[in-house]
């Protein structure tokens, strides 16, 4: 049994490291409606969850949505791109500066 302890401890450490490293699932998904690719990461997932919330839809993984809902998401998503997100942040910063 003592001979297997280092192997067991090593396996547990390696397994923990792999689990932590996989905390953010990233993959590229193709948007067939706008003919572009998006990296599905925590940022994209945030937009997706925002879209679900605005429409009062229950959470379903994107890749399990039917084609009509996927199209609806991409149409919404392209109207809410990252630049809009940054512009809102800049607007908030300017607004805070004006109040002080």
N, C-alpha and C. Protein backbone atom coordinates (compact mmCIF):
# COMPACT_ATOMS: atom_id res chain seq x y z
N UNK A 1 0.82 -1.20 0.00
CA UNK A 1 0.00 0.00 0.00
C UNK A 1 0.87 1.26 0.00
N UNK A 2 1.98 1.27 0.73
CA UNK A 2 2.84 2.45 0.80
C UNK A 2 3.41 2.79 -0.58
N UNK A 3 3.58 1.80 -1.41
CA UNK A 3 4.14 2.06 -2.75
C UNK A 3 3.15 2.86 -3.61
N UNK A 4 1.87 2.72 -3.32
CA UNK A 4 0.85 3.39 -4.13
C UNK A 4 0.50 4.79 -3.63
N UNK A 5 0.93 5.13 -2.42
CA UNK A 5 0.59 6.45 -1.87
C UNK A 5 1.10 7.60 -2.73
N UNK A 6 2.36 7.60 -3.16
CA UNK A 6 2.81 8.71 -4.02
C UNK A 6 1.99 8.81 -5.31
N UNK A 7 1.65 7.68 -5.90
CA UNK A 7 0.84 7.67 -7.11
C UNK A 7 -0.55 8.24 -6.84
N UNK A 8 -1.15 7.84 -5.74
CA UNK A 8 -2.48 8.32 -5.37
C UNK A 8 -2.47 9.83 -5.11
N UNK A 9 -1.49 10.29 -4.35
CA UNK A 9 -1.38 11.72 -4.06
C UNK A 9 -1.13 12.52 -5.34
N UNK A 10 -0.25 12.02 -6.19
CA UNK A 10 0.02 12.69 -7.47
C UNK A 10 -1.23 12.76 -8.34
N UNK A 11 -1.97 11.68 -8.36
CA UNK A 11 -3.20 11.65 -9.16
C UNK A 11 -4.22 12.66 -8.65
N UNK A 12 -4.33 12.77 -7.33
CA UNK A 12 -5.28 13.72 -6.77
C UNK A 12 -4.88 15.16 -7.09
N UNK A 13 -3.59 15.46 -6.99
CA UNK A 13 -3.12 16.81 -7.31
C UNK A 13 -3.33 17.12 -8.77
N UNK A 14 -2.98 16.20 -9.64
CA UNK A 14 -3.16 16.41 -11.08
C UNK A 14 -4.63 16.58 -11.43
N UNK A 15 -5.48 15.75 -10.84
CA UNK A 15 -6.92 15.86 -11.10
C UNK A 15 -7.48 17.20 -10.67
N UNK A 16 -7.02 17.69 -9.52
CA UNK A 16 -7.47 19.00 -9.04
C UNK A 16 -7.02 20.11 -9.98
N UNK A 17 -5.78 20.04 -10.43
CA UNK A 17 -5.25 21.06 -11.34
C UNK A 17 -6.02 21.06 -12.65
N UNK A 18 -6.33 19.90 -13.16
CA UNK A 18 -7.10 19.82 -14.41
C UNK A 18 -8.50 20.38 -14.23
N UNK A 19 -9.12 20.08 -13.10
CA UNK A 19 -10.48 20.58 -12.85
C UNK A 19 -10.48 22.10 -12.76
N UNK A 20 -9.49 22.68 -12.11
CA UNK A 20 -9.40 24.13 -12.00
C UNK A 20 -9.14 24.75 -13.36
N UNK A 21 -8.28 24.14 -14.14
CA UNK A 21 -7.95 24.65 -15.46
C UNK A 21 -9.12 24.61 -16.42
N UNK A 22 -10.07 23.76 -16.17
CA UNK A 22 -11.22 23.63 -17.06
C UNK A 22 -12.42 24.44 -16.56
N UNK A 23 -12.20 25.32 -15.62
CA UNK A 23 -13.31 26.08 -15.04
C UNK A 23 -14.01 26.95 -16.08
N UNK A 24 -13.26 27.49 -17.02
CA UNK A 24 -13.87 28.30 -18.07
C UNK A 24 -13.81 27.52 -19.36
N UNK A 25 -14.97 27.09 -19.82
CA UNK A 25 -15.03 26.34 -21.06
C UNK A 25 -15.00 27.34 -22.21
N UNK A 26 -14.05 27.15 -23.10
CA UNK A 26 -13.94 28.02 -24.26
C UNK A 26 -14.05 27.18 -25.52
N UNK A 27 -14.86 27.64 -26.41
CA UNK A 27 -14.91 27.03 -27.73
C UNK A 27 -15.41 28.07 -28.70
N UNK A 28 -15.13 27.84 -29.94
CA UNK A 28 -15.59 28.77 -30.98
C UNK A 28 -16.90 28.25 -31.53
N UNK A 29 -17.80 29.17 -31.72
CA UNK A 29 -19.08 28.80 -32.32
C UNK A 29 -19.30 29.67 -33.55
N UNK A 30 -19.88 29.09 -34.55
CA UNK A 30 -20.11 29.79 -35.82
C UNK A 30 -21.50 30.38 -35.81
N UNK A 31 -21.59 31.65 -36.17
CA UNK A 31 -22.86 32.33 -36.31
C UNK A 31 -23.21 32.32 -37.80
N UNK A 32 -24.09 31.41 -38.22
CA UNK A 32 -24.39 31.28 -39.64
C UNK A 32 -25.19 32.44 -40.21
N UNK A 33 -25.77 33.25 -39.37
CA UNK A 33 -26.61 34.36 -39.83
C UNK A 33 -25.78 35.59 -40.16
N UNK A 34 -24.63 35.74 -39.47
CA UNK A 34 -23.74 36.87 -39.73
C UNK A 34 -22.39 36.40 -40.28
N UNK A 35 -22.28 35.11 -40.52
CA UNK A 35 -21.08 34.51 -41.11
C UNK A 35 -19.81 34.88 -40.36
N UNK A 36 -19.85 34.75 -39.05
CA UNK A 36 -18.64 35.00 -38.26
C UNK A 36 -18.57 34.01 -37.09
N UNK A 37 -17.43 34.03 -36.44
CA UNK A 37 -17.19 33.13 -35.31
C UNK A 37 -17.16 33.94 -34.02
N UNK A 38 -17.59 33.30 -32.95
CA UNK A 38 -17.52 33.88 -31.62
C UNK A 38 -16.86 32.88 -30.69
N UNK A 39 -16.01 33.37 -29.80
CA UNK A 39 -15.45 32.51 -28.78
C UNK A 39 -16.44 32.44 -27.64
N UNK A 40 -16.91 31.26 -27.36
CA UNK A 40 -17.88 31.10 -26.28
C UNK A 40 -17.09 30.93 -24.99
N UNK A 41 -17.07 31.97 -24.19
CA UNK A 41 -16.35 31.98 -22.93
C UNK A 41 -17.26 32.64 -21.89
N UNK A 42 -16.71 33.03 -20.76
CA UNK A 42 -17.56 33.63 -19.73
C UNK A 42 -18.19 34.94 -20.22
N UNK A 43 -17.49 35.69 -21.06
CA UNK A 43 -18.06 36.92 -21.59
C UNK A 43 -19.27 36.67 -22.47
N UNK A 44 -19.12 35.75 -23.40
CA UNK A 44 -20.24 35.42 -24.29
C UNK A 44 -21.38 34.80 -23.49
N UNK A 45 -21.03 33.97 -22.51
CA UNK A 45 -22.06 33.36 -21.68
C UNK A 45 -22.83 34.43 -20.91
N UNK A 46 -22.14 35.50 -20.52
CA UNK A 46 -22.82 36.60 -19.84
C UNK A 46 -23.84 37.27 -20.74
N UNK A 47 -23.45 37.52 -22.00
CA UNK A 47 -24.40 38.08 -22.95
C UNK A 47 -25.58 37.13 -23.14
N UNK A 48 -25.29 35.84 -23.27
CA UNK A 48 -26.34 34.84 -23.49
C UNK A 48 -27.33 34.84 -22.32
N UNK A 49 -26.79 34.87 -21.11
CA UNK A 49 -27.67 34.87 -19.94
C UNK A 49 -28.47 36.17 -19.85
N UNK A 50 -27.88 37.27 -20.27
CA UNK A 50 -28.61 38.54 -20.30
C UNK A 50 -29.78 38.43 -21.28
N UNK A 51 -29.51 37.86 -22.45
CA UNK A 51 -30.55 37.68 -23.46
C UNK A 51 -31.67 36.80 -22.92
N UNK A 52 -31.30 35.70 -22.27
CA UNK A 52 -32.31 34.81 -21.69
C UNK A 52 -33.16 35.56 -20.67
N UNK A 53 -32.49 36.34 -19.81
CA UNK A 53 -33.21 37.06 -18.76
C UNK A 53 -34.17 38.11 -19.31
N UNK A 54 -33.72 38.83 -20.33
CA UNK A 54 -34.58 39.86 -20.92
C UNK A 54 -35.84 39.26 -21.52
N UNK A 55 -35.73 38.05 -21.98
CA UNK A 55 -36.88 37.39 -22.61
C UNK A 55 -37.62 36.44 -21.67
N UNK A 56 -37.13 36.35 -20.44
CA UNK A 56 -37.73 35.47 -19.43
C UNK A 56 -37.73 34.01 -19.89
N UNK A 57 -36.66 33.63 -20.62
CA UNK A 57 -36.50 32.23 -21.03
C UNK A 57 -35.75 31.48 -19.94
N UNK A 58 -36.09 30.23 -19.75
CA UNK A 58 -35.33 29.37 -18.84
C UNK A 58 -33.98 29.08 -19.46
N UNK A 59 -32.98 28.84 -18.60
CA UNK A 59 -31.64 28.54 -19.11
C UNK A 59 -31.63 27.20 -19.83
N UNK A 60 -31.12 27.23 -21.02
CA UNK A 60 -30.86 26.04 -21.84
C UNK A 60 -29.51 26.30 -22.49
N UNK A 61 -28.64 25.31 -22.51
CA UNK A 61 -27.36 25.51 -23.18
C UNK A 61 -27.61 25.94 -24.61
N UNK A 62 -26.80 26.91 -25.07
CA UNK A 62 -26.99 27.46 -26.40
C UNK A 62 -27.08 26.38 -27.47
N UNK A 63 -26.16 25.41 -27.41
CA UNK A 63 -26.13 24.40 -28.47
C UNK A 63 -27.33 23.46 -28.42
N UNK A 64 -28.18 23.59 -27.43
CA UNK A 64 -29.41 22.78 -27.37
C UNK A 64 -30.64 23.57 -27.82
N UNK A 65 -30.46 24.85 -28.14
CA UNK A 65 -31.58 25.66 -28.63
C UNK A 65 -31.95 25.23 -30.04
N UNK A 66 -33.21 25.40 -30.38
CA UNK A 66 -33.58 25.15 -31.77
C UNK A 66 -33.04 26.29 -32.64
N UNK A 67 -33.03 26.07 -33.93
CA UNK A 67 -32.42 27.03 -34.87
C UNK A 67 -33.07 28.42 -34.79
N UNK A 68 -34.37 28.47 -34.58
CA UNK A 68 -35.06 29.77 -34.51
C UNK A 68 -34.57 30.57 -33.31
N UNK A 69 -34.41 29.93 -32.16
CA UNK A 69 -33.92 30.63 -30.97
C UNK A 69 -32.46 31.03 -31.14
N UNK A 70 -31.65 30.17 -31.78
CA UNK A 70 -30.26 30.53 -32.01
C UNK A 70 -30.19 31.79 -32.88
N UNK A 71 -31.00 31.83 -33.90
CA UNK A 71 -31.02 33.01 -34.78
C UNK A 71 -31.46 34.25 -34.00
N UNK A 72 -32.46 34.09 -33.17
CA UNK A 72 -32.94 35.20 -32.35
C UNK A 72 -31.81 35.72 -31.45
N UNK A 73 -31.04 34.79 -30.87
CA UNK A 73 -29.93 35.20 -30.02
C UNK A 73 -28.90 35.99 -30.81
N UNK A 74 -28.49 35.48 -31.99
CA UNK A 74 -27.44 36.16 -32.76
C UNK A 74 -27.90 37.52 -33.26
N UNK A 75 -29.17 37.64 -33.60
CA UNK A 75 -29.67 38.96 -34.01
C UNK A 75 -29.56 39.93 -32.84
N UNK A 76 -29.96 39.48 -31.65
CA UNK A 76 -29.85 40.32 -30.47
C UNK A 76 -28.39 40.61 -30.14
N UNK A 77 -27.56 39.59 -30.24
CA UNK A 77 -26.15 39.71 -29.85
C UNK A 77 -25.41 40.72 -30.71
N UNK A 78 -25.70 40.75 -32.00
CA UNK A 78 -25.02 41.69 -32.88
C UNK A 78 -25.47 43.13 -32.65
N UNK A 79 -26.60 43.29 -32.01
CA UNK A 79 -27.03 44.64 -31.64
C UNK A 79 -26.44 45.05 -30.29
N UNK A 80 -25.87 44.11 -29.56
CA UNK A 80 -25.29 44.36 -28.25
C UNK A 80 -23.84 43.91 -28.25
N UNK A 81 -23.06 44.45 -29.16
CA UNK A 81 -21.68 44.00 -29.28
C UNK A 81 -20.81 44.60 -28.18
N UNK A 82 -19.55 44.18 -28.13
CA UNK A 82 -18.62 44.60 -27.07
C UNK A 82 -18.42 46.11 -27.06
N UNK A 83 -18.42 46.73 -28.22
CA UNK A 83 -18.22 48.18 -28.27
C UNK A 83 -19.34 48.92 -27.56
N UNK A 84 -20.56 48.43 -27.69
CA UNK A 84 -21.67 49.04 -26.97
C UNK A 84 -21.45 48.92 -25.47
N UNK A 85 -20.92 47.79 -25.05
CA UNK A 85 -20.65 47.54 -23.64
C UNK A 85 -19.62 48.56 -23.14
N UNK A 86 -18.56 48.78 -23.91
CA UNK A 86 -17.53 49.73 -23.52
C UNK A 86 -18.08 51.16 -23.53
N UNK A 87 -18.91 51.48 -24.50
CA UNK A 87 -19.48 52.82 -24.59
C UNK A 87 -20.35 53.09 -23.36
N UNK A 88 -21.11 52.09 -22.92
CA UNK A 88 -21.92 52.26 -21.72
C UNK A 88 -21.03 52.53 -20.51
N UNK A 89 -19.91 51.84 -20.41
CA UNK A 89 -18.98 52.04 -19.31
C UNK A 89 -18.40 53.45 -19.36
N UNK A 90 -18.04 53.93 -20.57
CA UNK A 90 -17.51 55.28 -20.73
C UNK A 90 -18.57 56.31 -20.35
N UNK A 91 -19.80 56.06 -20.76
CA UNK A 91 -20.89 56.98 -20.44
C UNK A 91 -21.08 57.07 -18.94
N UNK A 92 -21.02 55.92 -18.25
CA UNK A 92 -21.16 55.92 -16.80
C UNK A 92 -20.02 56.70 -16.14
N UNK A 93 -18.80 56.53 -16.65
CA UNK A 93 -17.65 57.23 -16.10
C UNK A 93 -17.81 58.74 -16.28
N UNK A 94 -18.26 59.17 -17.48
CA UNK A 94 -18.47 60.60 -17.74
C UNK A 94 -19.59 61.15 -16.84
N UNK A 95 -20.62 60.36 -16.66
CA UNK A 95 -21.74 60.78 -15.83
C UNK A 95 -21.30 60.96 -14.38
N UNK A 96 -20.48 60.02 -13.88
CA UNK A 96 -19.97 60.13 -12.50
C UNK A 96 -19.07 61.36 -12.36
N UNK A 97 -18.27 61.64 -13.36
CA UNK A 97 -17.37 62.79 -13.31
C UNK A 97 -18.18 64.08 -13.28
N UNK A 98 -19.28 64.15 -14.04
CA UNK A 98 -20.11 65.35 -14.08
C UNK A 98 -20.81 65.59 -12.75
N UNK A 99 -21.11 64.53 -12.01
CA UNK A 99 -21.82 64.67 -10.74
C UNK A 99 -20.91 65.21 -9.65
N UNK A 100 -19.58 65.04 -9.80
CA UNK A 100 -18.66 65.47 -8.73
C UNK A 100 -18.11 66.83 -8.97
